[in-house]
Protein backbone atom coordinates (compact mmCIF):
# COMPACT_ATOMS: atom_id res chain seq x y z
CA MET A 1 -74.05 82.68 48.22
CA TYR A 2 -75.94 85.85 47.81
CA GLY A 3 -72.82 87.39 47.02
CA PHE A 4 -72.33 85.71 43.98
CA THR A 5 -75.80 86.11 42.82
CA LEU A 6 -74.99 89.51 42.88
CA VAL A 7 -71.99 89.89 40.87
CA PRO A 8 -71.41 92.12 39.00
CA ASP A 9 -72.40 94.66 41.33
CA PRO A 10 -70.23 96.77 43.40
CA VAL A 11 -71.30 95.11 46.47
CA ALA A 12 -70.45 91.60 45.59
CA PRO A 13 -67.70 91.30 46.95
CA ALA A 14 -68.15 92.42 50.10
CA TRP A 15 -71.12 89.83 50.73
CA ILE A 16 -68.68 87.46 49.85
CA ILE A 17 -65.61 88.18 51.69
CA ALA A 18 -68.16 89.00 54.97
CA GLY A 19 -69.24 84.91 54.31
CA ILE A 20 -66.27 83.79 54.03
CA THR A 21 -64.94 85.86 57.23
CA ILE A 22 -67.99 84.18 59.40
CA LEU A 23 -67.30 80.59 57.68
CA ALA A 24 -64.07 81.33 58.82
CA TYR A 25 -64.57 82.03 62.46
CA PHE A 26 -67.47 79.30 62.57
CA LEU A 27 -64.79 76.59 62.28
CA TRP A 28 -62.05 78.64 64.28
CA TRP A 29 -64.75 78.64 67.06
CA GLU A 30 -66.23 74.70 66.52
CA SER A 31 -62.75 73.53 66.46
CA ARG A 32 -62.07 75.16 70.31
CA SER A 33 -65.56 74.56 71.84
CA GLU A 34 -65.60 71.27 74.30
CA SER A 35 -68.85 70.52 73.02
CA PRO A 36 -69.09 71.61 69.52
CA VAL A 37 -71.88 71.48 66.81
CA LEU A 38 -69.66 70.42 64.76
CA ASP A 39 -66.84 68.14 65.71
CA MET A 40 -64.19 69.18 63.33
CA SER A 41 -61.73 66.50 64.59
CA VAL A 42 -63.63 64.27 62.34
CA PHE A 43 -62.16 66.37 59.34
CA ARG A 44 -58.51 66.62 61.36
CA HIS A 45 -57.80 63.13 61.26
CA ASN A 46 -59.92 61.54 58.90
CA VAL A 47 -59.09 62.09 54.48
CA ALA A 48 -61.73 59.64 53.50
CA PHE A 49 -64.93 61.22 54.90
CA THR A 50 -63.04 64.93 54.43
CA LEU A 51 -62.44 64.68 50.74
CA SER A 52 -65.64 62.25 50.45
CA ASN A 53 -67.69 64.80 51.60
CA LEU A 54 -66.05 67.95 49.09
CA ALA A 55 -66.11 65.27 46.44
CA ALA A 56 -69.81 65.14 47.08
CA MET A 57 -70.35 69.04 47.32
CA ILE A 58 -68.45 69.61 44.05
CA ASN A 59 -70.97 67.21 42.34
CA TYR A 60 -73.32 68.48 43.51
CA ALA A 61 -72.42 72.18 42.88
CA ALA A 62 -71.62 70.34 39.13
CA THR A 63 -74.83 69.12 38.22
CA TYR A 64 -77.91 70.18 40.34
CA ALA A 65 -78.39 73.17 37.67
CA VAL A 66 -78.59 70.80 34.63
CA ALA A 67 -82.09 70.80 34.66
CA PHE A 68 -82.38 74.83 35.19
CA LEU A 69 -80.51 75.10 32.29
CA LEU A 70 -81.81 72.54 29.99
CA ALA A 71 -85.58 73.29 30.31
CA LEU A 72 -84.77 77.28 29.75
CA TYR A 73 -82.14 75.85 26.94
CA LEU A 74 -85.23 73.82 25.26
CA GLN A 75 -87.78 76.28 25.72
CA TYR A 76 -85.95 79.53 24.44
CA THR A 77 -84.02 77.96 22.23
CA LYS A 78 -85.64 74.78 20.88
CA GLY A 79 -88.70 75.85 21.26
CA PHE A 80 -90.16 73.09 22.95
CA SER A 81 -93.62 73.42 25.00
CA PRO A 82 -92.74 73.32 28.99
CA GLU A 83 -94.58 70.07 29.20
CA PHE A 84 -92.47 68.50 26.22
CA ALA A 85 -88.88 69.76 28.06
CA GLY A 86 -90.20 68.24 31.46
CA LEU A 87 -90.54 64.93 29.85
CA ILE A 88 -87.08 64.92 27.99
CA LEU A 89 -85.75 65.79 31.55
CA VAL A 90 -86.90 62.80 33.28
CA ALA A 91 -84.54 60.93 31.15
CA GLN A 92 -81.64 61.66 33.75
CA PRO A 93 -83.60 61.18 36.93
CA ALA A 94 -85.16 57.98 35.49
CA VAL A 95 -81.37 56.15 35.00
CA GLN A 96 -80.47 57.39 38.07
CA THR A 97 -83.48 55.30 39.72
CA ILE A 98 -82.71 52.07 38.19
CA VAL A 99 -79.02 52.30 38.32
CA SER A 100 -78.51 53.59 42.40
CA PRO A 101 -78.87 50.53 43.85
CA PHE A 102 -77.06 48.32 42.06
CA ALA A 103 -74.52 51.35 42.67
CA GLY A 104 -74.80 50.88 46.02
CA ARG A 105 -74.47 46.86 46.08
CA LEU A 106 -71.38 47.45 43.85
CA SER A 107 -69.63 49.68 46.47
CA ASP A 108 -69.74 46.72 49.06
CA ARG A 109 -67.48 44.25 46.63
CA ILE A 110 -65.49 47.02 45.19
CA GLU A 111 -63.95 50.25 46.73
CA PRO A 112 -66.60 53.18 46.99
CA ARG A 113 -63.43 55.73 45.38
CA VAL A 114 -63.35 53.42 42.41
CA VAL A 115 -67.10 53.47 42.04
CA ALA A 116 -68.07 57.17 43.00
CA SER A 117 -64.81 58.17 40.21
CA VAL A 118 -66.11 55.84 37.81
CA GLY A 119 -69.57 58.09 38.40
CA MET A 120 -68.07 61.72 38.35
CA THR A 121 -66.02 60.98 35.06
CA LEU A 122 -69.01 59.83 33.47
CA THR A 123 -70.81 62.97 34.82
CA ALA A 124 -67.82 65.39 33.84
CA ALA A 125 -68.35 64.06 30.25
CA GLY A 126 -71.91 64.62 30.05
CA LEU A 127 -71.61 68.05 31.27
CA LEU A 128 -68.58 69.16 28.99
CA SER A 129 -70.91 67.43 25.94
CA PHE A 130 -72.94 69.84 27.20
CA ALA A 131 -71.12 72.63 26.94
CA PHE A 132 -71.24 72.48 22.81
CA LEU A 133 -74.95 72.96 22.75
CA SER A 134 -76.62 74.42 19.82
CA THR A 135 -79.46 75.49 18.18
CA GLY A 136 -78.90 72.71 15.93
CA THR A 137 -78.66 69.92 18.30
CA PRO A 138 -80.43 66.97 17.46
CA LEU A 139 -82.90 65.54 20.49
CA TRP A 140 -81.18 62.46 20.61
CA SER A 141 -77.90 64.09 21.22
CA ILE A 142 -79.60 65.54 24.30
CA MET A 143 -81.13 62.46 25.44
CA ALA A 144 -77.84 60.64 25.01
CA VAL A 145 -76.03 63.08 26.93
CA LEU A 146 -79.14 62.95 29.91
CA LEU A 147 -78.61 59.11 30.23
CA VAL A 148 -74.52 59.42 30.38
CA LEU A 149 -75.32 62.25 33.51
CA GLY A 150 -77.98 60.10 35.27
CA LEU A 151 -75.53 57.06 34.85
CA GLY A 152 -73.01 59.20 36.30
CA TYR A 153 -75.15 60.58 39.28
CA ALA A 154 -76.34 56.95 39.91
CA LEU A 155 -72.44 55.69 40.00
CA PHE A 156 -71.50 58.23 42.52
CA SER A 157 -74.18 59.38 44.30
CA SER A 158 -75.04 55.96 46.35
CA PRO A 159 -71.28 54.42 46.89
CA ASN A 160 -70.11 58.01 47.63
CA THR A 161 -72.70 57.90 50.94
CA ASN A 162 -71.50 54.65 51.79
CA ALA A 163 -67.84 55.86 51.57
CA ILE A 164 -68.97 58.40 54.23
CA MET A 165 -70.55 56.52 56.85
CA SER A 166 -68.06 53.76 56.19
CA SER A 167 -65.25 56.03 56.72
CA VAL A 168 -66.57 57.00 60.06
CA GLN A 169 -67.19 55.34 63.76
CA ARG A 170 -70.79 54.48 64.93
CA ARG A 171 -70.88 57.39 67.31
CA HIS A 172 -69.92 59.90 64.44
CA PHE A 173 -72.60 58.87 62.53
CA GLY A 174 -75.05 61.44 63.47
CA ILE A 175 -72.52 64.20 62.26
CA ALA A 176 -71.74 61.86 58.97
CA SER A 177 -75.47 61.93 58.38
CA SER A 178 -76.06 65.51 59.34
CA MET A 179 -72.67 66.27 56.85
CA VAL A 180 -74.37 64.53 53.83
CA ALA A 181 -77.35 67.05 53.94
CA THR A 182 -75.52 69.99 54.29
CA MET A 183 -72.57 68.80 51.39
CA ARG A 184 -76.05 68.61 49.34
CA ALA A 185 -77.46 71.67 50.44
CA LEU A 186 -74.23 73.82 49.49
CA GLY A 187 -73.63 72.09 46.24
CA GLN A 188 -77.32 73.01 45.20
CA LEU A 189 -76.65 76.56 46.01
CA ALA A 190 -73.26 77.16 44.31
CA SER A 191 -74.24 75.28 41.02
CA ILE A 192 -76.95 77.96 41.20
CA ALA A 193 -75.39 80.76 42.30
CA ILE A 194 -72.32 79.98 39.56
CA VAL A 195 -74.89 79.85 36.83
CA MET A 196 -77.26 83.44 38.21
CA MET A 197 -72.99 85.47 38.27
CA ILE A 198 -72.88 83.65 34.23
CA PHE A 199 -75.84 84.59 33.55
CA SER A 200 -75.44 88.50 34.70
CA LEU A 201 -71.82 88.64 33.41
CA VAL A 202 -73.43 87.31 29.59
CA ILE A 203 -76.97 88.82 29.42
CA GLY A 204 -77.20 91.30 32.21
CA ARG A 205 -80.63 91.53 34.98
CA VAL A 206 -82.84 91.58 31.59
CA GLN A 207 -85.95 89.46 30.95
CA VAL A 208 -84.80 86.81 28.65
CA THR A 209 -86.83 87.45 24.94
CA PRO A 210 -86.13 86.24 21.40
CA ASP A 211 -83.88 89.76 21.45
CA VAL A 212 -80.89 87.89 23.99
CA TYR A 213 -81.22 84.70 22.75
CA PRO A 214 -77.68 84.18 21.38
CA GLN A 215 -76.45 85.58 24.66
CA PHE A 216 -78.45 83.13 26.54
CA LEU A 217 -77.49 80.42 24.91
CA GLU A 218 -73.38 81.50 25.16
CA SER A 219 -74.89 81.68 29.05
CA VAL A 220 -75.61 77.66 28.73
CA GLN A 221 -72.41 76.63 26.85
CA ILE A 222 -70.22 79.00 29.68
CA SER A 223 -72.64 77.46 32.65
CA PHE A 224 -71.72 73.87 31.63
CA LEU A 225 -68.31 74.29 30.40
CA VAL A 226 -67.84 75.84 33.85
CA LEU A 227 -69.43 73.27 35.87
CA GLY A 228 -68.39 70.67 33.69
CA ILE A 229 -64.52 71.53 34.46
CA LEU A 230 -65.82 72.26 38.24
CA ASN A 231 -66.37 68.14 38.15
CA VAL A 232 -62.77 67.44 36.51
CA PHE A 233 -61.67 68.71 39.83
CA GLY A 234 -63.85 66.76 42.15
CA ILE A 235 -62.62 63.30 40.42
CA PHE A 236 -59.65 64.24 41.81
CA ALA A 237 -60.90 64.24 45.51
CA SER A 238 -63.23 61.46 45.05
CA TYR A 239 -60.32 59.23 44.14
CA ALA A 240 -57.51 60.67 46.12
CA ARG A 241 -59.72 60.22 49.51
CA GLY A 242 -58.08 56.90 49.72
CA LYS A 243 -58.82 53.36 50.41
CA ILE A 244 -62.05 53.34 52.33
CA ARG A 245 -62.07 49.57 53.28
CA GLU A 246 -58.15 49.86 55.08
CA ALA A 247 -59.50 53.16 56.60
CA GLU A 248 -62.44 51.25 58.63
CA PHE A 249 -59.63 49.59 60.17
CA SER A 250 -57.29 52.35 60.87
CA PRO A 251 -56.55 54.40 64.19
CA SER A 252 -56.86 57.50 62.18
CA SER A 253 -60.42 57.56 61.61
CA ARG A 254 -61.48 57.24 64.36
């Protein structure tokens, strides 16, 4: 992640390769340890658990930077005050707060992969819509997309967590719970790293002033396009996890 934030600095690839190498070594070591910190067998023998965690990481990576990007866009491009921009952004978490409890209960009746995949589809649609932001985009349009994003995230988050916890035995609840938090943290880091990399490539390491507002808007558009495409891959990971109801009784999930 640190390497991504350094792009286009020539040392960035070295940091990225170093990070990947250390991660690979850690996974190799844990797979051979008698008392691992992270039990890799939970991933190797449980497709539903693995893909549910992958979907979670992708979803956080695609959505975490939304508030950051829109806060800057609303202030720099639309000329709104920080207070008014923050008030607009409340629309997404407000919908998410209202819908999440219902989405969780819905995933108890319907396969979590179906509910979560619908949520990721709505999220991808919202992110790709923001890729067309311009100086003339009306406020009602921005609010409408934020409502869609809030609905999509609510439909994904609770059912996906339900799927993660339901796909393992009780003795693995600790690992499952910690992986939910880990995927969230990794996704959030990746989201900001991706956006910072795009900003560095398009604008450069300069202060955002009126002179670079066109490049800033281009960076925002590219960022939403990349995040939207990333979320599309998450839809496939979410749906490919299989049926959790069957996995609960499958020996392979144990």
